[in-house]
Amino acid sequence: MILGDRDLKYYLEKKWIEIDPLSQDTIRENGVDLRVGDEIARFKPTDKVFTSSSNLSDFFQLEKGESFIIKPNEHVLLVTKEHVKLPSDVMAFVNLRSSFARLGLFIPPTIVDAG
């Protein structure tokens, strides 16, 4: 079942779902609009093999700022301004708004759970 805005507001009011910071105008009919934060992880070109003991800074560079330029065919990781906390019996899909998709941005199918 997908929570509608009324159920979502109820879950938020009961603190079963927590979003911090939460702005009431970001709650939509079937979800919450999350905003892009001020950090980006930009992948570096490398021939190194990633292992569990790899130094992460060999693979990407962190940048902070109010805006970012994403180059064609570049993959980056973004953070949101909001922190989302879900109970163990709720999962969430993270999707991209169509207005961003029309600009050529995409997000792979992402599922977030409390586990």
N, C-alpha and C. Protein backbone atom coordinates (compact mmCIF):
# COMPACT_ATOMS: atom_id res chain seq x y z
N MET A 1 0.84 -1.17 0.00
CA MET A 1 0.00 0.00 0.00
C MET A 1 0.90 1.25 0.00
N ILE A 2 0.58 2.20 -0.84
CA ILE A 2 1.28 3.47 -0.86
C ILE A 2 0.50 4.45 0.01
N LEU A 3 1.20 5.10 0.92
CA LEU A 3 0.53 6.05 1.80
C LEU A 3 0.14 7.30 1.03
N GLY A 4 -1.13 7.68 1.14
CA GLY A 4 -1.57 8.95 0.59
C GLY A 4 -1.17 10.08 1.53
N ASP A 5 -1.43 11.31 1.12
CA ASP A 5 -0.99 12.45 1.93
C ASP A 5 -1.62 12.45 3.32
N ARG A 6 -2.87 12.03 3.44
CA ARG A 6 -3.53 12.01 4.75
C ARG A 6 -2.87 11.00 5.69
N ASP A 7 -2.63 9.78 5.16
CA ASP A 7 -1.96 8.75 5.97
C ASP A 7 -0.53 9.16 6.29
N LEU A 8 0.14 9.72 5.31
CA LEU A 8 1.52 10.16 5.52
C LEU A 8 1.59 11.23 6.61
N LYS A 9 0.69 12.18 6.57
CA LYS A 9 0.66 13.21 7.61
C LYS A 9 0.38 12.59 8.99
N TYR A 10 -0.49 11.58 9.03
CA TYR A 10 -0.79 10.89 10.29
C TYR A 10 0.45 10.18 10.82
N TYR A 11 1.17 9.46 9.94
CA TYR A 11 2.40 8.77 10.35
C TYR A 11 3.43 9.77 10.85
N LEU A 12 3.53 10.92 10.20
CA LEU A 12 4.47 11.95 10.63
C LEU A 12 4.05 12.55 11.97
N GLU A 13 2.74 12.79 12.15
CA GLU A 13 2.23 13.34 13.40
C GLU A 13 2.50 12.39 14.57
N LYS A 14 2.32 11.08 14.34
CA LYS A 14 2.55 10.07 15.37
C LYS A 14 4.04 9.76 15.55
N LYS A 15 4.87 10.36 14.69
CA LYS A 15 6.33 10.14 14.71
C LYS A 15 6.70 8.71 14.36
N TRP A 16 5.81 8.01 13.61
CA TRP A 16 6.13 6.68 13.11
C TRP A 16 7.11 6.83 11.95
N ILE A 17 6.98 7.91 11.21
CA ILE A 17 7.95 8.31 10.19
C ILE A 17 8.47 9.67 10.63
N GLU A 18 9.78 9.82 10.61
CA GLU A 18 10.38 11.10 11.00
C GLU A 18 11.20 11.66 9.84
N ILE A 19 10.98 12.92 9.54
CA ILE A 19 11.74 13.63 8.51
C ILE A 19 12.18 14.94 9.13
N ASP A 20 13.50 15.15 9.14
CA ASP A 20 14.03 16.35 9.78
C ASP A 20 15.08 17.01 8.88
N PRO A 21 14.91 18.25 8.52
CA PRO A 21 13.77 19.12 8.80
C PRO A 21 12.61 18.80 7.85
N LEU A 22 11.41 19.05 8.29
CA LEU A 22 10.22 18.81 7.48
C LEU A 22 9.50 20.12 7.25
N SER A 23 9.21 20.39 6.00
CA SER A 23 8.41 21.54 5.63
C SER A 23 7.06 21.01 5.12
N GLN A 24 5.97 21.51 5.66
CA GLN A 24 4.65 20.99 5.30
C GLN A 24 4.36 21.10 3.81
N ASP A 25 4.96 22.09 3.14
CA ASP A 25 4.68 22.26 1.72
C ASP A 25 5.41 21.24 0.84
N THR A 26 6.23 20.37 1.43
CA THR A 26 6.90 19.33 0.65
C THR A 26 6.12 18.03 0.63
N ILE A 27 5.05 17.95 1.43
CA ILE A 27 4.22 16.74 1.45
C ILE A 27 3.28 16.79 0.26
N ARG A 28 3.35 15.76 -0.57
CA ARG A 28 2.54 15.66 -1.78
C ARG A 28 1.47 14.59 -1.61
N GLU A 29 0.70 14.35 -2.66
CA GLU A 29 -0.40 13.40 -2.58
C GLU A 29 0.07 11.96 -2.39
N ASN A 30 1.32 11.65 -2.77
CA ASN A 30 1.80 10.28 -2.59
C ASN A 30 3.26 10.22 -2.14
N GLY A 31 3.71 11.25 -1.45
CA GLY A 31 5.09 11.23 -0.98
C GLY A 31 5.54 12.57 -0.44
N VAL A 32 6.84 12.66 -0.24
CA VAL A 32 7.45 13.88 0.27
C VAL A 32 8.58 14.28 -0.67
N ASP A 33 8.62 15.54 -1.04
CA ASP A 33 9.72 16.05 -1.86
C ASP A 33 10.92 16.31 -0.96
N LEU A 34 12.01 15.61 -1.23
CA LEU A 34 13.25 15.85 -0.51
C LEU A 34 14.09 16.81 -1.34
N ARG A 35 14.89 17.62 -0.67
CA ARG A 35 15.70 18.63 -1.37
C ARG A 35 17.16 18.21 -1.42
N VAL A 36 17.82 18.58 -2.49
CA VAL A 36 19.24 18.27 -2.65
C VAL A 36 20.02 19.06 -1.61
N GLY A 37 20.93 18.38 -0.92
CA GLY A 37 21.75 19.02 0.11
C GLY A 37 22.94 19.75 -0.47
N ASP A 38 23.88 20.09 0.39
CA ASP A 38 25.01 20.92 -0.01
C ASP A 38 26.31 20.13 -0.16
N GLU A 39 26.21 18.81 -0.33
CA GLU A 39 27.39 17.98 -0.54
C GLU A 39 27.19 17.10 -1.75
N ILE A 40 28.29 16.83 -2.43
CA ILE A 40 28.26 15.96 -3.60
C ILE A 40 29.51 15.10 -3.55
N ALA A 41 29.39 13.85 -3.96
CA ALA A 41 30.55 12.97 -4.11
C ALA A 41 30.73 12.75 -5.60
N ARG A 42 31.81 13.26 -6.13
CA ARG A 42 32.09 13.18 -7.56
C ARG A 42 33.10 12.05 -7.79
N PHE A 43 32.73 11.07 -8.60
CA PHE A 43 33.61 9.94 -8.84
C PHE A 43 34.83 10.36 -9.64
N LYS A 44 35.98 9.81 -9.27
CA LYS A 44 37.24 10.08 -9.96
C LYS A 44 37.50 8.96 -10.97
N PRO A 45 38.05 9.31 -12.12
CA PRO A 45 38.46 8.23 -13.04
C PRO A 45 39.66 7.49 -12.43
N THR A 46 39.60 6.19 -12.39
CA THR A 46 40.69 5.40 -11.80
C THR A 46 40.70 3.99 -12.39
N ASP A 47 41.85 3.38 -12.36
CA ASP A 47 42.00 1.98 -12.77
C ASP A 47 42.11 1.07 -11.56
N LYS A 48 42.01 1.64 -10.36
CA LYS A 48 42.12 0.85 -9.14
C LYS A 48 40.90 -0.04 -8.95
N VAL A 49 41.11 -1.16 -8.31
CA VAL A 49 40.02 -2.09 -8.01
C VAL A 49 39.51 -1.77 -6.61
N PHE A 50 38.20 -1.64 -6.47
CA PHE A 50 37.60 -1.34 -5.18
C PHE A 50 37.48 -2.62 -4.38
N THR A 51 37.96 -2.58 -3.15
CA THR A 51 37.80 -3.70 -2.21
C THR A 51 37.27 -3.14 -0.90
N SER A 52 36.93 -4.01 0.01
CA SER A 52 36.39 -3.55 1.30
C SER A 52 37.42 -2.77 2.11
N SER A 53 38.71 -2.94 1.81
CA SER A 53 39.74 -2.19 2.53
C SER A 53 40.24 -0.97 1.75
N SER A 54 39.59 -0.65 0.63
CA SER A 54 40.02 0.49 -0.20
C SER A 54 39.86 1.81 0.54
N ASN A 55 40.71 2.75 0.20
CA ASN A 55 40.59 4.11 0.69
C ASN A 55 39.56 4.81 -0.20
N LEU A 56 38.43 5.20 0.36
CA LEU A 56 37.35 5.77 -0.45
C LEU A 56 37.76 7.03 -1.19
N SER A 57 38.70 7.79 -0.64
CA SER A 57 39.12 9.02 -1.31
C SER A 57 39.86 8.74 -2.62
N ASP A 58 40.27 7.47 -2.86
CA ASP A 58 40.86 7.11 -4.14
C ASP A 58 39.79 7.03 -5.23
N PHE A 59 38.53 6.94 -4.85
CA PHE A 59 37.46 6.71 -5.81
C PHE A 59 36.52 7.90 -6.01
N PHE A 60 36.45 8.78 -5.02
CA PHE A 60 35.61 9.96 -5.21
C PHE A 60 36.12 11.12 -4.38
N GLN A 61 35.68 12.30 -4.79
CA GLN A 61 36.07 13.53 -4.11
C GLN A 61 34.81 14.21 -3.60
N LEU A 62 34.83 14.60 -2.34
CA LEU A 62 33.69 15.30 -1.74
C LEU A 62 33.79 16.78 -2.02
N GLU A 63 32.67 17.39 -2.37
CA GLU A 63 32.60 18.82 -2.60
C GLU A 63 31.42 19.38 -1.81
N LYS A 64 31.56 20.57 -1.31
CA LYS A 64 30.46 21.27 -0.64
C LYS A 64 30.17 22.54 -1.43
N GLY A 65 28.90 22.94 -1.45
CA GLY A 65 28.55 24.16 -2.15
C GLY A 65 27.05 24.34 -2.23
N GLU A 66 26.65 25.48 -2.77
CA GLU A 66 25.23 25.78 -2.94
C GLU A 66 24.71 25.29 -4.28
N SER A 67 25.62 25.08 -5.25
CA SER A 67 25.23 24.58 -6.56
C SER A 67 26.37 23.74 -7.13
N PHE A 68 26.03 22.86 -8.06
CA PHE A 68 27.01 21.97 -8.66
C PHE A 68 26.75 21.86 -10.15
N ILE A 69 27.80 21.70 -10.91
CA ILE A 69 27.68 21.41 -12.33
C ILE A 69 27.98 19.93 -12.50
N ILE A 70 27.02 19.22 -13.07
CA ILE A 70 27.20 17.81 -13.37
C ILE A 70 27.45 17.70 -14.86
N LYS A 71 28.60 17.17 -15.23
CA LYS A 71 29.00 17.09 -16.63
C LYS A 71 28.27 15.94 -17.33
N PRO A 72 28.15 16.01 -18.65
CA PRO A 72 27.51 14.90 -19.39
C PRO A 72 28.19 13.57 -19.08
N ASN A 73 27.39 12.55 -18.88
CA ASN A 73 27.83 11.18 -18.60
C ASN A 73 28.58 11.02 -17.27
N GLU A 74 28.53 12.02 -16.42
CA GLU A 74 29.19 11.94 -15.12
C GLU A 74 28.21 11.36 -14.10
N HIS A 75 28.72 10.51 -13.22
CA HIS A 75 27.91 9.96 -12.14
C HIS A 75 28.36 10.59 -10.83
N VAL A 76 27.39 11.05 -10.05
CA VAL A 76 27.69 11.67 -8.76
C VAL A 76 26.73 11.11 -7.73
N LEU A 77 27.12 11.24 -6.47
CA LEU A 77 26.23 10.90 -5.36
C LEU A 77 25.84 12.20 -4.68
N LEU A 78 24.56 12.33 -4.35
CA LEU A 78 24.06 13.53 -3.69
C LEU A 78 23.50 13.16 -2.33
N VAL A 79 23.45 14.12 -1.45
CA VAL A 79 22.77 13.96 -0.17
C VAL A 79 21.52 14.82 -0.18
N THR A 80 20.60 14.52 0.72
CA THR A 80 19.42 15.37 0.86
C THR A 80 19.59 16.24 2.10
N LYS A 81 18.85 17.33 2.11
CA LYS A 81 18.85 18.19 3.30
C LYS A 81 18.14 17.50 4.45
N GLU A 82 17.23 16.60 4.12
CA GLU A 82 16.42 15.92 5.13
C GLU A 82 17.02 14.59 5.54
N HIS A 83 16.81 14.24 6.79
CA HIS A 83 17.14 12.91 7.30
C HIS A 83 15.81 12.20 7.50
N VAL A 84 15.68 10.99 6.97
CA VAL A 84 14.42 10.24 7.03
C VAL A 84 14.63 9.01 7.91
N LYS A 85 13.70 8.82 8.86
CA LYS A 85 13.74 7.65 9.75
C LYS A 85 12.42 6.90 9.60
N LEU A 86 12.52 5.60 9.27
CA LEU A 86 11.34 4.78 9.04
C LEU A 86 11.26 3.66 10.07
N PRO A 87 10.03 3.24 10.42
CA PRO A 87 9.90 2.06 11.29
C PRO A 87 10.23 0.81 10.49
N SER A 88 10.43 -0.31 11.18
CA SER A 88 10.84 -1.55 10.51
C SER A 88 9.78 -2.13 9.58
N ASP A 89 8.52 -1.71 9.70
CA ASP A 89 7.47 -2.25 8.84
C ASP A 89 7.09 -1.30 7.70
N VAL A 90 7.92 -0.29 7.43
CA VAL A 90 7.65 0.65 6.35
C VAL A 90 8.88 0.75 5.47
N MET A 91 8.67 0.80 4.16
CA MET A 91 9.76 1.03 3.22
C MET A 91 9.41 2.22 2.35
N ALA A 92 10.40 2.77 1.69
CA ALA A 92 10.16 3.94 0.85
C ALA A 92 10.90 3.80 -0.47
N PHE A 93 10.30 4.31 -1.52
CA PHE A 93 10.96 4.41 -2.81
C PHE A 93 11.50 5.83 -2.95
N VAL A 94 12.68 5.95 -3.52
CA VAL A 94 13.23 7.27 -3.81
C VAL A 94 13.17 7.43 -5.32
N ASN A 95 12.42 8.39 -5.78
CA ASN A 95 12.26 8.67 -7.20
C ASN A 95 12.65 10.11 -7.50
N LEU A 96 12.92 10.38 -8.75
CA LEU A 96 13.28 11.72 -9.18
C LEU A 96 12.05 12.40 -9.77
N ARG A 97 11.88 13.66 -9.45
CA ARG A 97 10.77 14.41 -10.05
C ARG A 97 10.96 14.50 -11.56
N SER A 98 9.86 14.45 -12.29
CA SER A 98 9.95 14.45 -13.76
C SER A 98 10.59 15.73 -14.30
N SER A 99 10.47 16.84 -13.57
CA SER A 99 11.09 18.08 -14.04
C SER A 99 12.62 17.94 -14.10
N PHE A 100 13.21 17.15 -13.19
CA PHE A 100 14.65 16.89 -13.23
C PHE A 100 14.97 15.87 -14.32
N ALA A 101 14.11 14.88 -14.48
CA ALA A 101 14.33 13.86 -15.52
C ALA A 101 14.33 14.51 -16.90
N ARG A 102 13.50 15.51 -17.11
CA ARG A 102 13.48 16.20 -18.40
C ARG A 102 14.77 16.96 -18.67
N LEU A 103 15.55 17.23 -17.62
CA LEU A 103 16.85 17.87 -17.79
C LEU A 103 17.96 16.85 -18.09
N GLY A 104 17.60 15.57 -18.09
CA GLY A 104 18.57 14.53 -18.39
C GLY A 104 19.16 13.87 -17.16
N LEU A 105 18.67 14.21 -15.98
CA LEU A 105 19.16 13.57 -14.75
C LEU A 105 18.35 12.31 -14.51
N PHE A 106 18.95 11.34 -13.87
CA PHE A 106 18.20 10.13 -13.52
C PHE A 106 18.71 9.57 -12.21
N ILE A 107 17.89 8.73 -11.63
CA ILE A 107 18.24 8.05 -10.40
C ILE A 107 17.88 6.59 -10.60
N PRO A 108 18.78 5.67 -10.25
CA PRO A 108 18.41 4.27 -10.39
C PRO A 108 17.32 3.92 -9.38
N PRO A 109 16.55 2.87 -9.64
CA PRO A 109 15.52 2.49 -8.67
C PRO A 109 16.15 2.29 -7.29
N THR A 110 15.62 2.98 -6.31
CA THR A 110 16.20 2.96 -4.96
C THR A 110 15.11 2.65 -3.96
N ILE A 111 15.37 1.69 -3.09
CA ILE A 111 14.45 1.34 -2.03
C ILE A 111 15.15 1.59 -0.71
N VAL A 112 14.47 2.24 0.21
CA VAL A 112 15.03 2.53 1.52
C VAL A 112 14.20 1.78 2.54
N ASP A 113 14.87 1.04 3.42
CA ASP A 113 14.14 0.39 4.50
C ASP A 113 14.83 0.67 5.82
N ALA A 114 14.20 0.30 6.88
CA ALA A 114 14.72 0.60 8.21
C ALA A 114 15.82 -0.37 8.62
N GLY A 115 15.99 -1.46 7.89
CA GLY A 115 16.97 -2.48 8.26
C GLY A 115 18.31 -2.05 7.94
